[in-house]
Amino acid sequence: MHGKLLGSSIIGRRLAYFQLKPTATPMQHETPAPPPTQLIRYVLQIGNMTDNTSIGRVRELLTSLGLLVDQVGQGQAEVAVAQGTNPGPEGIRQALESGGFQLEACTAQTG
């Protein structure tokens, strides 16, 4: 039967055997993790950041997390961080809340 599908050689029969053999455990990850040096960019929507003083305070909080601050303006900030040093959305939220600000939304992009 295998000879008809892949030829009559022993190699063809072995290939058919290995191709049809079920795996013992399912794969946990479909795609590999990004390298630790890959940048992740976050666009943050921040409540009650309305004046220059609060914008400066938010910039300091984000910088203290090791984030590279691209832009900070009224209600929004754009930052980047290397994958290996990433505080994540939860770490960002906690830091902002400790300074009296509210993280309303956080959008992440790799690359």
N, C-alpha and C. Protein backbone atom coordinates (compact mmCIF):
# COMPACT_ATOMS: atom_id res chain seq x y z
N MET A 1 0.82 -1.20 0.00
CA MET A 1 0.00 0.00 0.00
C MET A 1 0.86 1.25 0.00
N HIS A 2 1.88 1.30 0.87
CA HIS A 2 2.75 2.47 0.91
C HIS A 2 3.54 2.60 -0.37
N GLY A 3 3.90 1.49 -0.99
CA GLY A 3 4.67 1.53 -2.22
C GLY A 3 3.93 2.25 -3.33
N LYS A 4 2.61 2.15 -3.36
CA LYS A 4 1.83 2.83 -4.38
C LYS A 4 1.79 4.34 -4.15
N LEU A 5 1.82 4.75 -2.88
CA LEU A 5 1.75 6.18 -2.58
C LEU A 5 3.08 6.88 -2.79
N LEU A 6 4.17 6.29 -2.34
CA LEU A 6 5.45 6.98 -2.36
C LEU A 6 6.53 6.22 -3.12
N GLY A 7 6.19 5.21 -3.85
CA GLY A 7 7.18 4.39 -4.53
C GLY A 7 7.40 3.13 -3.73
N SER A 8 8.09 2.18 -4.30
CA SER A 8 8.22 0.88 -3.65
C SER A 8 9.50 0.77 -2.83
N SER A 9 10.26 1.83 -2.66
CA SER A 9 11.51 1.74 -1.90
C SER A 9 11.23 1.71 -0.40
N ILE A 10 12.20 1.23 0.34
CA ILE A 10 12.11 1.21 1.80
C ILE A 10 12.00 2.63 2.34
N ILE A 11 12.73 3.56 1.75
CA ILE A 11 12.68 4.95 2.19
C ILE A 11 11.26 5.49 2.06
N GLY A 12 10.61 5.20 0.95
CA GLY A 12 9.24 5.65 0.74
C GLY A 12 8.29 5.11 1.79
N ARG A 13 8.45 3.83 2.16
CA ARG A 13 7.59 3.24 3.19
C ARG A 13 7.87 3.86 4.56
N ARG A 14 9.14 4.14 4.86
CA ARG A 14 9.47 4.76 6.15
C ARG A 14 8.94 6.18 6.22
N LEU A 15 9.03 6.93 5.13
CA LEU A 15 8.48 8.28 5.12
C LEU A 15 6.99 8.25 5.39
N ALA A 16 6.29 7.32 4.73
CA ALA A 16 4.85 7.21 4.94
C ALA A 16 4.55 6.88 6.40
N TYR A 17 5.35 6.01 7.02
CA TYR A 17 5.14 5.65 8.41
C TYR A 17 5.31 6.87 9.32
N PHE A 18 6.37 7.63 9.12
CA PHE A 18 6.63 8.78 9.97
C PHE A 18 5.64 9.91 9.73
N GLN A 19 5.14 10.02 8.52
CA GLN A 19 4.18 11.08 8.23
C GLN A 19 2.83 10.79 8.88
N LEU A 20 2.48 9.53 9.03
CA LEU A 20 1.18 9.17 9.58
C LEU A 20 1.23 8.92 11.08
N LYS A 21 2.42 8.84 11.66
CA LYS A 21 2.56 8.55 13.08
C LYS A 21 2.07 9.75 13.91
N PRO A 22 1.13 9.55 14.84
CA PRO A 22 0.63 10.67 15.65
C PRO A 22 1.69 11.13 16.65
N THR A 23 1.62 12.39 17.01
CA THR A 23 2.54 12.92 18.01
C THR A 23 2.00 12.61 19.39
N ALA A 24 2.91 12.44 20.35
CA ALA A 24 2.53 12.08 21.71
C ALA A 24 1.93 13.26 22.46
N THR A 25 2.48 14.46 22.26
CA THR A 25 1.98 15.64 22.97
C THR A 25 1.73 16.75 21.97
N PRO A 26 0.69 17.53 22.17
CA PRO A 26 0.43 18.65 21.25
C PRO A 26 1.46 19.76 21.44
N MET A 27 1.67 20.53 20.39
CA MET A 27 2.60 21.66 20.47
C MET A 27 1.99 22.74 21.34
N GLN A 28 2.81 23.36 22.17
CA GLN A 28 2.32 24.41 23.05
C GLN A 28 2.30 25.76 22.37
N HIS A 29 3.26 26.03 21.48
CA HIS A 29 3.34 27.31 20.81
C HIS A 29 3.36 27.09 19.31
N GLU A 30 2.52 27.81 18.60
CA GLU A 30 2.50 27.69 17.15
C GLU A 30 3.60 28.52 16.50
N THR A 31 3.97 29.62 17.12
CA THR A 31 5.03 30.47 16.57
C THR A 31 6.10 30.66 17.63
N PRO A 32 7.34 30.77 17.22
CA PRO A 32 8.41 30.97 18.20
C PRO A 32 8.31 32.34 18.85
N ALA A 33 8.83 32.44 20.05
CA ALA A 33 8.86 33.72 20.76
C ALA A 33 9.80 34.68 20.04
N PRO A 34 9.48 35.97 20.03
CA PRO A 34 10.38 36.93 19.38
C PRO A 34 11.71 36.99 20.11
N PRO A 35 12.77 37.34 19.40
CA PRO A 35 14.07 37.44 20.06
C PRO A 35 14.04 38.51 21.15
N PRO A 36 14.87 38.36 22.20
CA PRO A 36 14.81 39.30 23.33
C PRO A 36 15.17 40.73 22.97
N THR A 37 15.76 40.96 21.80
CA THR A 37 16.12 42.33 21.41
C THR A 37 15.06 42.99 20.54
N GLN A 38 14.01 42.29 20.20
CA GLN A 38 12.96 42.87 19.36
C GLN A 38 12.20 43.93 20.15
N LEU A 39 11.90 45.05 19.49
CA LEU A 39 11.17 46.14 20.15
C LEU A 39 9.67 45.88 20.15
N ILE A 40 9.06 46.25 21.24
CA ILE A 40 7.60 46.26 21.34
C ILE A 40 7.19 47.71 21.53
N ARG A 41 6.23 48.15 20.73
CA ARG A 41 5.74 49.52 20.82
C ARG A 41 4.36 49.49 21.47
N TYR A 42 4.15 50.43 22.38
CA TYR A 42 2.86 50.56 23.05
C TYR A 42 2.28 51.94 22.77
N VAL A 43 1.00 51.96 22.45
CA VAL A 43 0.24 53.22 22.40
C VAL A 43 -0.68 53.18 23.61
N LEU A 44 -0.51 54.16 24.48
CA LEU A 44 -1.22 54.20 25.75
C LEU A 44 -2.24 55.33 25.77
N GLN A 45 -3.45 55.02 26.18
CA GLN A 45 -4.47 56.04 26.42
C GLN A 45 -4.52 56.23 27.94
N ILE A 46 -4.21 57.44 28.39
CA ILE A 46 -4.05 57.69 29.82
C ILE A 46 -5.04 58.75 30.27
N GLY A 47 -5.86 58.38 31.26
CA GLY A 47 -6.83 59.31 31.80
C GLY A 47 -6.18 60.33 32.71
N ASN A 48 -6.82 61.45 32.88
CA ASN A 48 -6.44 62.59 33.72
C ASN A 48 -5.01 63.08 33.51
N MET A 49 -4.52 62.99 32.28
CA MET A 49 -3.23 63.59 31.91
C MET A 49 -3.58 64.77 30.99
N THR A 50 -3.80 65.93 31.60
CA THR A 50 -4.39 67.04 30.85
C THR A 50 -3.53 68.28 30.73
N ASP A 51 -2.51 68.42 31.57
CA ASP A 51 -1.69 69.64 31.51
C ASP A 51 -0.21 69.28 31.43
N ASN A 52 0.64 70.29 31.27
CA ASN A 52 2.07 70.05 31.11
C ASN A 52 2.70 69.38 32.33
N THR A 53 2.21 69.71 33.52
CA THR A 53 2.75 69.09 34.73
C THR A 53 2.46 67.59 34.75
N SER A 54 1.22 67.21 34.44
CA SER A 54 0.88 65.78 34.43
C SER A 54 1.58 65.05 33.29
N ILE A 55 1.76 65.70 32.16
CA ILE A 55 2.49 65.10 31.04
C ILE A 55 3.94 64.81 31.45
N GLY A 56 4.56 65.75 32.15
CA GLY A 56 5.92 65.55 32.64
C GLY A 56 6.02 64.42 33.65
N ARG A 57 5.02 64.32 34.53
CA ARG A 57 5.01 63.24 35.52
C ARG A 57 4.86 61.88 34.85
N VAL A 58 3.99 61.80 33.85
CA VAL A 58 3.81 60.54 33.13
C VAL A 58 5.09 60.15 32.40
N ARG A 59 5.75 61.12 31.78
CA ARG A 59 7.02 60.85 31.09
C ARG A 59 8.03 60.26 32.08
N GLU A 60 8.14 60.83 33.27
CA GLU A 60 9.07 60.32 34.29
C GLU A 60 8.71 58.91 34.72
N LEU A 61 7.42 58.64 34.93
CA LEU A 61 6.99 57.30 35.34
C LEU A 61 7.34 56.26 34.27
N LEU A 62 7.08 56.59 33.02
CA LEU A 62 7.34 55.64 31.93
C LEU A 62 8.84 55.42 31.74
N THR A 63 9.62 56.48 31.86
CA THR A 63 11.07 56.37 31.73
C THR A 63 11.65 55.53 32.86
N SER A 64 11.08 55.65 34.06
CA SER A 64 11.58 54.88 35.20
C SER A 64 11.37 53.37 35.02
N LEU A 65 10.46 52.99 34.14
CA LEU A 65 10.22 51.57 33.84
C LEU A 65 11.20 51.03 32.79
N GLY A 66 12.03 51.91 32.25
CA GLY A 66 12.96 51.49 31.20
C GLY A 66 12.37 51.61 29.81
N LEU A 67 11.23 52.28 29.70
CA LEU A 67 10.59 52.47 28.40
C LEU A 67 11.25 53.63 27.66
N LEU A 68 11.35 53.49 26.34
CA LEU A 68 11.82 54.59 25.49
C LEU A 68 10.59 55.40 25.11
N VAL A 69 10.51 56.62 25.59
CA VAL A 69 9.32 57.45 25.37
C VAL A 69 9.46 58.18 24.05
N ASP A 70 8.57 57.85 23.10
CA ASP A 70 8.57 58.52 21.80
C ASP A 70 7.80 59.83 21.86
N GLN A 71 6.58 59.76 22.39
CA GLN A 71 5.71 60.94 22.46
C GLN A 71 4.85 60.86 23.71
N VAL A 72 4.62 62.00 24.30
CA VAL A 72 3.64 62.11 25.39
C VAL A 72 2.86 63.38 25.13
N GLY A 73 1.56 63.24 25.07
CA GLY A 73 0.69 64.40 24.86
C GLY A 73 -0.56 64.24 25.69
N GLN A 74 -1.47 65.14 25.54
CA GLN A 74 -2.69 65.13 26.33
C GLN A 74 -3.46 63.82 26.12
N GLY A 75 -3.48 62.97 27.15
CA GLY A 75 -4.25 61.74 27.11
C GLY A 75 -3.61 60.56 26.41
N GLN A 76 -2.44 60.73 25.81
CA GLN A 76 -1.85 59.63 25.04
C GLN A 76 -0.33 59.65 25.14
N ALA A 77 0.26 58.45 25.12
CA ALA A 77 1.72 58.31 25.08
C ALA A 77 2.08 57.17 24.15
N GLU A 78 3.21 57.29 23.47
CA GLU A 78 3.75 56.23 22.64
C GLU A 78 5.14 55.91 23.15
N VAL A 79 5.35 54.62 23.47
CA VAL A 79 6.62 54.19 24.05
C VAL A 79 7.08 52.92 23.35
N ALA A 80 8.35 52.56 23.55
CA ALA A 80 8.91 51.32 23.02
C ALA A 80 9.80 50.71 24.09
N VAL A 81 9.99 49.40 23.99
CA VAL A 81 10.83 48.68 24.95
C VAL A 81 11.33 47.40 24.28
N ALA A 82 12.53 46.96 24.66
CA ALA A 82 13.05 45.68 24.17
C ALA A 82 12.27 44.55 24.84
N GLN A 83 12.02 43.50 24.09
CA GLN A 83 11.23 42.35 24.58
C GLN A 83 11.74 41.83 25.92
N GLY A 84 13.04 41.73 26.09
CA GLY A 84 13.61 41.15 27.30
C GLY A 84 13.45 42.00 28.55
N THR A 85 13.22 43.31 28.40
CA THR A 85 13.10 44.21 29.56
C THR A 85 11.69 44.77 29.69
N ASN A 86 10.74 44.15 29.06
CA ASN A 86 9.39 44.66 28.97
C ASN A 86 8.62 44.53 30.29
N PRO A 87 8.14 45.66 30.87
CA PRO A 87 7.32 45.56 32.08
C PRO A 87 5.91 45.06 31.78
N GLY A 88 5.50 45.11 30.51
CA GLY A 88 4.18 44.66 30.11
C GLY A 88 3.10 45.66 30.47
N PRO A 89 1.90 45.46 29.90
CA PRO A 89 0.80 46.38 30.18
C PRO A 89 0.45 46.46 31.67
N GLU A 90 0.55 45.35 32.37
CA GLU A 90 0.22 45.37 33.80
C GLU A 90 1.23 46.20 34.60
N GLY A 91 2.51 46.07 34.28
CA GLY A 91 3.53 46.88 34.95
C GLY A 91 3.37 48.35 34.65
N ILE A 92 3.01 48.66 33.41
CA ILE A 92 2.76 50.06 33.02
C ILE A 92 1.56 50.60 33.78
N ARG A 93 0.49 49.80 33.84
CA ARG A 93 -0.72 50.23 34.55
C ARG A 93 -0.41 50.51 36.02
N GLN A 94 0.32 49.61 36.67
CA GLN A 94 0.65 49.79 38.08
C GLN A 94 1.47 51.05 38.32
N ALA A 95 2.44 51.30 37.45
CA ALA A 95 3.28 52.49 37.61
C ALA A 95 2.46 53.77 37.44
N LEU A 96 1.58 53.78 36.43
CA LEU A 96 0.75 54.97 36.21
C LEU A 96 -0.22 55.18 37.38
N GLU A 97 -0.82 54.10 37.87
CA GLU A 97 -1.74 54.23 39.00
C GLU A 97 -1.03 54.72 40.25
N SER A 98 0.22 54.30 40.44
CA SER A 98 0.97 54.77 41.61
C SER A 98 1.22 56.28 41.54
N GLY A 99 1.20 56.84 40.33
CA GLY A 99 1.37 58.28 40.15
C GLY A 99 0.05 59.03 40.05
N GLY A 100 -1.07 58.32 40.22
CA GLY A 100 -2.37 58.98 40.19
C GLY A 100 -3.01 59.03 38.81
N PHE A 101 -2.52 58.23 37.87
CA PHE A 101 -3.07 58.22 36.51
C PHE A 101 -3.75 56.89 36.23
N GLN A 102 -4.63 56.89 35.23
CA GLN A 102 -5.36 55.68 34.89
C GLN A 102 -5.04 55.27 33.45
N LEU A 103 -4.59 54.02 33.27
CA LEU A 103 -4.36 53.49 31.92
C LEU A 103 -5.70 53.00 31.39
N GLU A 104 -6.24 53.71 30.41
CA GLU A 104 -7.55 53.38 29.86
C GLU A 104 -7.46 52.35 28.75
N ALA A 105 -6.38 52.38 27.98
CA ALA A 105 -6.19 51.41 26.89
C ALA A 105 -4.70 51.29 26.60
N CYS A 106 -4.31 50.10 26.16
CA CYS A 106 -2.91 49.84 25.82
C CYS A 106 -2.89 48.94 24.59
N THR A 107 -2.30 49.43 23.51
CA THR A 107 -2.19 48.66 22.28
C THR A 107 -0.72 48.36 22.04
N ALA A 108 -0.38 47.08 21.82
CA ALA A 108 1.01 46.67 21.62
C ALA A 108 1.23 46.22 20.19
N GLN A 109 2.42 46.54 19.66
CA GLN A 109 2.85 46.09 18.33
C GLN A 109 4.30 45.66 18.42
N THR A 110 4.66 44.54 17.80
CA THR A 110 6.06 44.13 17.75
C THR A 110 6.66 44.59 16.44
N GLY A 111 7.96 44.79 16.48
CA GLY A 111 8.66 45.15 15.25
C GLY A 111 9.40 46.42 15.30
